[in-house]
Amino acid sequence: MSDKVFYYGRNIINSDIFQKMNKFMQHRQTTTMEHSVNVAEKALDFVERHHIKCDEESLVIGCLLHAFF
């Protein structure tokens, strides 16, 4: 997990309910938690590579919660 994803999402990542997402599979080979973290990392990489200005904290939070159920 990248430092930025952890920094911006630490309250979510450290929560008990988010940690439970590590028990559910997403896309057959990864957990829902891993998937959400990967989406956040890819999103940050995308905005950085394309020089897109955005609220990175909101981006990470949205990514982490997009598969929350």
N, C-alpha and C. Protein backbone atom coordinates (compact mmCIF):
# COMPACT_ATOMS: atom_id res chain seq x y z
N MET A 1 0.85 -1.17 0.00
CA MET A 1 0.00 0.00 0.00
C MET A 1 0.89 1.23 0.00
N SER A 2 0.56 2.17 -0.87
CA SER A 2 1.39 3.38 -0.95
C SER A 2 1.18 4.24 0.29
N ASP A 3 2.18 5.08 0.55
CA ASP A 3 2.11 5.98 1.69
C ASP A 3 0.93 6.94 1.57
N LYS A 4 0.68 7.45 0.35
CA LYS A 4 -0.42 8.39 0.16
C LYS A 4 -1.77 7.76 0.43
N VAL A 5 -1.96 6.55 -0.06
CA VAL A 5 -3.23 5.86 0.17
C VAL A 5 -3.43 5.67 1.67
N PHE A 6 -2.40 5.23 2.37
CA PHE A 6 -2.55 5.04 3.81
C PHE A 6 -2.76 6.37 4.52
N TYR A 7 -2.02 7.40 4.14
CA TYR A 7 -2.15 8.70 4.80
C TYR A 7 -3.58 9.25 4.66
N TYR A 8 -4.08 9.27 3.44
CA TYR A 8 -5.41 9.83 3.21
C TYR A 8 -6.53 8.91 3.70
N GLY A 9 -6.31 7.61 3.68
CA GLY A 9 -7.37 6.68 4.02
C GLY A 9 -7.21 5.97 5.33
N ARG A 10 -6.26 6.40 6.14
CA ARG A 10 -5.93 5.65 7.36
C ARG A 10 -7.12 5.43 8.29
N ASN A 11 -8.01 6.40 8.41
CA ASN A 11 -9.16 6.21 9.31
C ASN A 11 -10.08 5.10 8.79
N ILE A 12 -10.25 5.05 7.49
CA ILE A 12 -11.07 3.99 6.89
C ILE A 12 -10.32 2.67 6.96
N ILE A 13 -9.07 2.67 6.53
CA ILE A 13 -8.28 1.44 6.46
C ILE A 13 -8.15 0.78 7.83
N ASN A 14 -7.99 1.57 8.86
CA ASN A 14 -7.82 1.03 10.21
C ASN A 14 -9.13 0.64 10.89
N SER A 15 -10.26 0.95 10.26
CA SER A 15 -11.55 0.64 10.89
C SER A 15 -11.82 -0.87 10.85
N ASP A 16 -12.49 -1.35 11.86
CA ASP A 16 -12.82 -2.77 11.93
C ASP A 16 -13.67 -3.21 10.74
N ILE A 17 -14.61 -2.39 10.36
CA ILE A 17 -15.52 -2.79 9.28
C ILE A 17 -14.79 -2.87 7.93
N PHE A 18 -13.85 -1.97 7.70
CA PHE A 18 -13.07 -2.04 6.45
C PHE A 18 -12.17 -3.27 6.47
N GLN A 19 -11.60 -3.57 7.61
CA GLN A 19 -10.74 -4.76 7.73
C GLN A 19 -11.52 -6.05 7.44
N LYS A 20 -12.81 -6.05 7.74
CA LYS A 20 -13.63 -7.23 7.44
C LYS A 20 -13.73 -7.47 5.94
N MET A 21 -13.54 -6.42 5.13
CA MET A 21 -13.59 -6.58 3.68
C MET A 21 -12.47 -7.49 3.18
N ASN A 22 -11.48 -7.72 4.02
CA ASN A 22 -10.38 -8.61 3.65
C ASN A 22 -10.82 -10.09 3.63
N LYS A 23 -12.03 -10.36 4.10
CA LYS A 23 -12.55 -11.73 4.11
C LYS A 23 -13.40 -12.04 2.88
N PHE A 24 -13.74 -11.02 2.10
CA PHE A 24 -14.62 -11.21 0.95
C PHE A 24 -13.84 -11.10 -0.35
N MET A 25 -14.11 -12.03 -1.26
CA MET A 25 -13.38 -12.06 -2.52
C MET A 25 -14.03 -11.14 -3.56
N GLN A 26 -13.19 -10.52 -4.34
CA GLN A 26 -13.61 -9.63 -5.43
C GLN A 26 -12.79 -10.03 -6.65
N HIS A 27 -13.41 -10.23 -7.76
CA HIS A 27 -12.71 -10.60 -9.00
C HIS A 27 -11.88 -11.87 -8.85
N ARG A 28 -12.35 -12.78 -8.07
CA ARG A 28 -11.84 -14.15 -7.91
C ARG A 28 -10.49 -14.29 -7.20
N GLN A 29 -9.55 -13.40 -7.41
CA GLN A 29 -8.21 -13.62 -6.85
C GLN A 29 -7.78 -12.57 -5.84
N THR A 30 -8.62 -11.65 -5.53
CA THR A 30 -8.25 -10.59 -4.60
C THR A 30 -9.43 -10.33 -3.66
N THR A 31 -9.11 -9.84 -2.48
CA THR A 31 -10.19 -9.51 -1.55
C THR A 31 -10.76 -8.14 -1.92
N THR A 32 -11.93 -7.88 -1.39
CA THR A 32 -12.57 -6.58 -1.63
C THR A 32 -11.70 -5.46 -1.09
N MET A 33 -11.05 -5.70 0.04
CA MET A 33 -10.16 -4.69 0.61
C MET A 33 -8.97 -4.44 -0.31
N GLU A 34 -8.33 -5.50 -0.76
CA GLU A 34 -7.18 -5.34 -1.68
C GLU A 34 -7.61 -4.64 -2.96
N HIS A 35 -8.77 -5.00 -3.47
CA HIS A 35 -9.29 -4.39 -4.69
C HIS A 35 -9.46 -2.88 -4.49
N SER A 36 -10.07 -2.49 -3.40
CA SER A 36 -10.32 -1.07 -3.14
C SER A 36 -9.02 -0.29 -2.99
N VAL A 37 -8.04 -0.87 -2.31
CA VAL A 37 -6.74 -0.23 -2.16
C VAL A 37 -6.06 -0.11 -3.53
N ASN A 38 -6.15 -1.16 -4.34
CA ASN A 38 -5.57 -1.10 -5.69
C ASN A 38 -6.21 -0.02 -6.54
N VAL A 39 -7.52 0.13 -6.43
CA VAL A 39 -8.22 1.18 -7.18
C VAL A 39 -7.71 2.56 -6.75
N ALA A 40 -7.53 2.75 -5.45
CA ALA A 40 -7.02 4.03 -4.95
C ALA A 40 -5.61 4.30 -5.46
N GLU A 41 -4.77 3.30 -5.46
CA GLU A 41 -3.40 3.47 -5.95
C GLU A 41 -3.38 3.79 -7.44
N LYS A 42 -4.20 3.09 -8.22
CA LYS A 42 -4.27 3.34 -9.67
C LYS A 42 -4.82 4.73 -9.95
N ALA A 43 -5.81 5.16 -9.18
CA ALA A 43 -6.39 6.48 -9.39
C ALA A 43 -5.37 7.58 -9.10
N LEU A 44 -4.62 7.44 -8.01
CA LEU A 44 -3.58 8.43 -7.71
C LEU A 44 -2.51 8.45 -8.79
N ASP A 45 -2.12 7.29 -9.27
CA ASP A 45 -1.14 7.20 -10.35
C ASP A 45 -1.66 7.89 -11.60
N PHE A 46 -2.93 7.67 -11.92
CA PHE A 46 -3.53 8.25 -13.11
C PHE A 46 -3.52 9.78 -13.06
N VAL A 47 -3.97 10.35 -11.94
CA VAL A 47 -4.02 11.81 -11.86
C VAL A 47 -2.61 12.42 -11.86
N GLU A 48 -1.66 11.70 -11.29
CA GLU A 48 -0.28 12.18 -11.29
C GLU A 48 0.31 12.14 -12.70
N ARG A 49 0.14 11.03 -13.41
CA ARG A 49 0.69 10.89 -14.76
C ARG A 49 0.08 11.89 -15.74
N HIS A 50 -1.19 12.21 -15.53
CA HIS A 50 -1.89 13.10 -16.46
C HIS A 50 -1.98 14.54 -15.94
N HIS A 51 -1.27 14.81 -14.85
CA HIS A 51 -1.20 16.17 -14.28
C HIS A 51 -2.60 16.75 -14.03
N ILE A 52 -3.46 15.92 -13.46
CA ILE A 52 -4.82 16.34 -13.13
C ILE A 52 -4.84 16.83 -11.69
N LYS A 53 -5.34 18.03 -11.51
CA LYS A 53 -5.45 18.57 -10.16
C LYS A 53 -6.77 18.10 -9.56
N CYS A 54 -6.68 17.55 -8.37
CA CYS A 54 -7.89 17.09 -7.68
C CYS A 54 -7.62 17.04 -6.19
N ASP A 55 -8.67 16.84 -5.45
CA ASP A 55 -8.57 16.64 -4.00
C ASP A 55 -8.19 15.18 -3.80
N GLU A 56 -6.91 14.92 -3.59
CA GLU A 56 -6.43 13.54 -3.49
C GLU A 56 -7.06 12.78 -2.33
N GLU A 57 -7.30 13.46 -1.24
CA GLU A 57 -7.92 12.78 -0.10
C GLU A 57 -9.31 12.28 -0.46
N SER A 58 -10.11 13.12 -1.11
CA SER A 58 -11.45 12.71 -1.54
C SER A 58 -11.39 11.58 -2.55
N LEU A 59 -10.42 11.65 -3.44
CA LEU A 59 -10.24 10.60 -4.44
C LEU A 59 -9.96 9.26 -3.76
N VAL A 60 -9.04 9.25 -2.82
CA VAL A 60 -8.69 8.01 -2.11
C VAL A 60 -9.88 7.48 -1.31
N ILE A 61 -10.57 8.34 -0.61
CA ILE A 61 -11.72 7.92 0.19
C ILE A 61 -12.80 7.32 -0.71
N GLY A 62 -13.07 7.96 -1.84
CA GLY A 62 -14.05 7.43 -2.77
C GLY A 62 -13.66 6.06 -3.30
N CYS A 63 -12.39 5.91 -3.62
CA CYS A 63 -11.89 4.62 -4.12
C CYS A 63 -12.00 3.54 -3.06
N LEU A 64 -11.62 3.87 -1.84
CA LEU A 64 -11.66 2.87 -0.77
C LEU A 64 -13.09 2.42 -0.47
N LEU A 65 -14.05 3.32 -0.65
CA LEU A 65 -15.43 3.00 -0.29
C LEU A 65 -16.27 2.56 -1.48
N HIS A 66 -15.73 2.58 -2.69
CA HIS A 66 -16.56 2.29 -3.87
C HIS A 66 -17.13 0.88 -3.87
N ALA A 67 -16.47 -0.06 -3.21
CA ALA A 67 -16.96 -1.44 -3.18
C ALA A 67 -17.44 -1.82 -1.78
N PHE A 68 -17.67 -0.83 -0.97
CA PHE A 68 -18.09 -1.06 0.42
C PHE A 68 -19.54 -1.55 0.44
N PHE A 69 -19.76 -2.62 1.15
CA PHE A 69 -21.12 -3.16 1.29
C PHE A 69 -21.31 -3.78 2.64
